[in-house]
Amino acid sequence: MAKKKPTKKKPAKKTVKKVAKKKVVKKKRKANPALMKPVTPSAALAAIVGAKPAARGQMTKRLWDYIKKNKLQDKVKKTMIHADDNLKVIFGGKKLVSMFEMTKHVSKHLK
């Protein structure tokens, strides 16, 4: 008689329970109604952004379009803005203003 080879026992299969993933629902941010309210620019600001009333964000966007179109942004330090004759009136006579300071000056020209 021939000897049987010892059989290797196979490890028992582990059962993996599938857990249903919970969907995370992100709430959409709502815009602040105060920022969406149309504001009217002063005569000095209207020369740059137009005389039509618009939201604050839209006014800032138009102002940045003017700055980029006329290449008034500093080449090295992008946060600084070189004022031309139109912007000097808005910036209180300053030749160089940071973009953070710009919003403070512009808010004085919005009604």
C-alpha atoms as a PDB file:
ATOM      1  CA  MET A   1       0.000   0.000   0.000  1.00  0.00           C
ATOM      2  CA  ALA A   2       1.085   3.455  -0.812  1.00  0.00           C
ATOM      3  CA  LYS A   3       1.210   6.066   1.869  1.00  0.00           C
ATOM      4  CA  LYS A   4      -1.082   9.032   1.483  1.00  0.00           C
ATOM      5  CA  LYS A   5       0.480  12.423   1.488  1.00  0.00           C
ATOM      6  CA  PRO A   6      -0.629  14.543   4.385  1.00  0.00           C
ATOM      7  CA  THR A   7      -3.084  17.139   3.125  1.00  0.00           C
ATOM      8  CA  LYS A   8      -2.619  20.723   4.068  1.00  0.00           C
ATOM      9  CA  LYS A   9      -5.556  22.276   5.722  1.00  0.00           C
ATOM     10  CA  LYS A  10      -6.823  25.359   3.971  1.00  0.00           C
ATOM     11  CA  PRO A  11      -7.555  28.279   6.262  1.00  0.00           C
ATOM     12  CA  ALA A  12     -11.214  28.980   6.710  1.00  0.00           C
ATOM     13  CA  LYS A  13     -12.532  31.812   4.587  1.00  0.00           C
ATOM     14  CA  LYS A  14     -13.234  34.926   6.549  1.00  0.00           C
ATOM     15  CA  THR A  15     -16.514  36.542   5.820  1.00  0.00           C
ATOM     16  CA  VAL A  16     -16.308  40.258   5.425  1.00  0.00           C
ATOM     17  CA  LYS A  17     -19.380  42.230   6.244  1.00  0.00           C
ATOM     18  CA  LYS A  18     -19.966  45.095   3.907  1.00  0.00           C
ATOM     19  CA  VAL A  19     -20.987  48.193   5.749  1.00  0.00           C
ATOM     20  CA  ALA A  20     -23.054  50.680   3.817  1.00  0.00           C
ATOM     21  CA  LYS A  21     -21.319  54.020   3.625  1.00  0.00           C
ATOM     22  CA  LYS A  22     -23.317  56.944   4.820  1.00  0.00           C
ATOM     23  CA  LYS A  23     -23.489  59.763   2.341  1.00  0.00           C
ATOM     24  CA  VAL A  24     -22.292  63.045   3.724  1.00  0.00           C
ATOM     25  CA  VAL A  25     -24.530  65.803   2.530  1.00  0.00           C
ATOM     26  CA  LYS A  26     -22.733  69.108   2.273  1.00  0.00           C
ATOM     27  CA  LYS A  27     -24.831  72.159   2.734  1.00  0.00           C
ATOM     28  CA  LYS A  28     -24.386  74.758   0.051  1.00  0.00           C
ATOM     29  CA  ARG A  29     -23.165  78.087   1.295  1.00  0.00           C
ATOM     30  CA  LYS A  30     -25.694  80.813   0.959  1.00  0.00           C
ATOM     31  CA  ALA A  31     -24.557  84.246  -0.083  1.00  0.00           C
ATOM     32  CA  ASN A  32     -24.881  86.970   2.487  1.00  0.00           C
ATOM     33  CA  PRO A  33     -27.893  89.085   1.456  1.00  0.00           C
ATOM     34  CA  ALA A  34     -26.089  92.266   2.506  1.00  0.00           C
ATOM     35  CA  LEU A  35     -23.363  91.567  -0.059  1.00  0.00           C
ATOM     36  CA  MET A  36     -25.908  90.912  -2.796  1.00  0.00           C
ATOM     37  CA  LYS A  37     -27.705  94.218  -2.252  1.00  0.00           C
ATOM     38  CA  PRO A  38     -27.098  96.641  -5.135  1.00  0.00           C
ATOM     39  CA  VAL A  39     -24.968  99.658  -4.226  1.00  0.00           C
ATOM     40  CA  THR A  40     -24.485 102.864  -6.164  1.00  0.00           C
ATOM     41  CA  PRO A  41     -20.931 104.061  -6.843  1.00  0.00           C
ATOM     42  CA  SER A  42     -19.832 107.664  -6.305  1.00  0.00           C
ATOM     43  CA  ALA A  43     -19.009 109.795  -9.349  1.00  0.00           C
ATOM     44  CA  ALA A  44     -15.265 109.093  -8.957  1.00  0.00           C
ATOM     45  CA  LEU A  45     -15.796 105.324  -8.758  1.00  0.00           C
ATOM     46  CA  ALA A  46     -18.404 105.398 -11.533  1.00  0.00           C
ATOM     47  CA  ALA A  47     -15.687 106.623 -13.915  1.00  0.00           C
ATOM     48  CA  ILE A  48     -13.970 103.255 -13.428  1.00  0.00           C
ATOM     49  CA  VAL A  49     -16.713 100.660 -12.793  1.00  0.00           C
ATOM     50  CA  GLY A  50     -19.730 102.302 -14.422  1.00  0.00           C
ATOM     51  CA  ALA A  51     -22.657 104.217 -12.949  1.00  0.00           C
ATOM     52  CA  LYS A  52     -25.151 101.332 -12.759  1.00  0.00           C
ATOM     53  CA  PRO A  53     -25.921  99.966  -9.274  1.00  0.00           C
ATOM     54  CA  ALA A  54     -24.473  96.500  -8.672  1.00  0.00           C
ATOM     55  CA  ALA A  55     -23.546  94.153  -5.818  1.00  0.00           C
ATOM     56  CA  ARG A  56     -20.330  94.777  -3.865  1.00  0.00           C
ATOM     57  CA  GLY A  57     -18.668  91.703  -5.314  1.00  0.00           C
ATOM     58  CA  GLN A  58     -19.477  92.839  -8.826  1.00  0.00           C
ATOM     59  CA  MET A  59     -18.014  96.287  -8.096  1.00  0.00           C
ATOM     60  CA  THR A  60     -14.797  94.723  -6.819  1.00  0.00           C
ATOM     61  CA  LYS A  61     -14.624  92.456  -9.874  1.00  0.00           C
ATOM     62  CA  ARG A  62     -14.987  95.441 -12.221  1.00  0.00           C
ATOM     63  CA  LEU A  63     -12.323  97.337 -10.296  1.00  0.00           C
ATOM     64  CA  TRP A  64      -9.902  94.395 -10.610  1.00  0.00           C
ATOM     65  CA  ASP A  65     -10.672  94.206 -14.330  1.00  0.00           C
ATOM     66  CA  TYR A  66      -9.670  97.881 -14.608  1.00  0.00           C
ATOM     67  CA  ILE A  67      -6.477  97.304 -12.587  1.00  0.00           C
ATOM     68  CA  LYS A  68      -5.408  94.313 -14.702  1.00  0.00           C
ATOM     69  CA  LYS A  69      -6.360  95.973 -17.998  1.00  0.00           C
ATOM     70  CA  ASN A  70      -4.185  99.012 -17.200  1.00  0.00           C
ATOM     71  CA  LYS A  71      -1.400  96.857 -15.660  1.00  0.00           C
ATOM     72  CA  LEU A  72      -1.503  98.669 -12.310  1.00  0.00           C
ATOM     73  CA  GLN A  73      -0.673  95.588 -10.230  1.00  0.00           C
ATOM     74  CA  ASP A  74       2.910  95.474  -8.947  1.00  0.00           C
ATOM     75  CA  LYS A  75       5.000  92.970 -10.915  1.00  0.00           C
ATOM     76  CA  VAL A  76       6.928  91.641  -7.905  1.00  0.00           C
ATOM     77  CA  LYS A  77       4.480  91.949  -5.036  1.00  0.00           C
ATOM     78  CA  LYS A  78       1.087  91.179  -6.580  1.00  0.00           C
ATOM     79  CA  THR A  79      -0.861  92.422  -3.540  1.00  0.00           C
ATOM     80  CA  MET A  80       0.199  96.013  -4.198  1.00  0.00           C
ATOM     81  CA  ILE A  81      -1.628  98.315  -6.610  1.00  0.00           C
ATOM     82  CA  HIS A  82      -0.086 101.375  -8.263  1.00  0.00           C
ATOM     83  CA  ALA A  83      -2.768 104.062  -8.513  1.00  0.00           C
ATOM     84  CA  ASP A  84      -3.253 106.012 -11.717  1.00  0.00           C
ATOM     85  CA  ASP A  85      -5.040 109.390 -11.753  1.00  0.00           C
ATOM     86  CA  ASN A  86      -8.513 107.807 -11.546  1.00  0.00           C
ATOM     87  CA  LEU A  87      -7.597 105.515  -8.664  1.00  0.00           C
ATOM     88  CA  LYS A  88      -5.751 108.191  -6.660  1.00  0.00           C
ATOM     89  CA  VAL A  89      -9.095 109.922  -6.077  1.00  0.00           C
ATOM     90  CA  ILE A  90     -10.559 106.713  -4.690  1.00  0.00           C
ATOM     91  CA  PHE A  91      -7.458 105.767  -2.682  1.00  0.00           C
ATOM     92  CA  GLY A  92      -7.344 109.119  -0.904  1.00  0.00           C
ATOM     93  CA  GLY A  93      -4.363 110.446  -2.870  1.00  0.00           C
ATOM     94  CA  LYS A  94      -2.112 107.437  -2.185  1.00  0.00           C
ATOM     95  CA  LYS A  95       0.132 106.224  -5.007  1.00  0.00           C
ATOM     96  CA  LEU A  96       0.552 102.677  -3.686  1.00  0.00           C
ATOM     97  CA  VAL A  97      -2.163 100.675  -1.902  1.00  0.00           C
ATOM     98  CA  SER A  98      -2.415  97.012  -0.885  1.00  0.00           C
ATOM     99  CA  MET A  99      -5.374  95.053  -2.188  1.00  0.00           C
ATOM    100  CA  PHE A 100      -6.615  94.613   1.405  1.00  0.00           C
ATOM    101  CA  GLU A 101      -6.529  98.349   1.950  1.00  0.00           C
ATOM    102  CA  MET A 102      -8.251  98.893  -1.399  1.00  0.00           C
ATOM    103  CA  THR A 103     -11.592  97.497  -0.204  1.00  0.00           C
ATOM    104  CA  LYS A 104     -11.568  99.930   2.731  1.00  0.00           C
ATOM    105  CA  HIS A 105     -11.104 102.881   0.389  1.00  0.00           C
ATOM    106  CA  VAL A 106     -13.671 101.642  -2.133  1.00  0.00           C
ATOM    107  CA  SER A 107     -16.361 101.143   0.537  1.00  0.00           C
ATOM    108  CA  LYS A 108     -16.267 104.896   1.204  1.00  0.00           C
ATOM    109  CA  HIS A 109     -17.358 105.458  -2.420  1.00  0.00           C
ATOM    110  CA  LEU A 110     -20.374 103.106  -2.284  1.00  0.00           C
ATOM    111  CA  LYS A 111     -23.856 104.171  -1.188  1.00  0.00           C
END
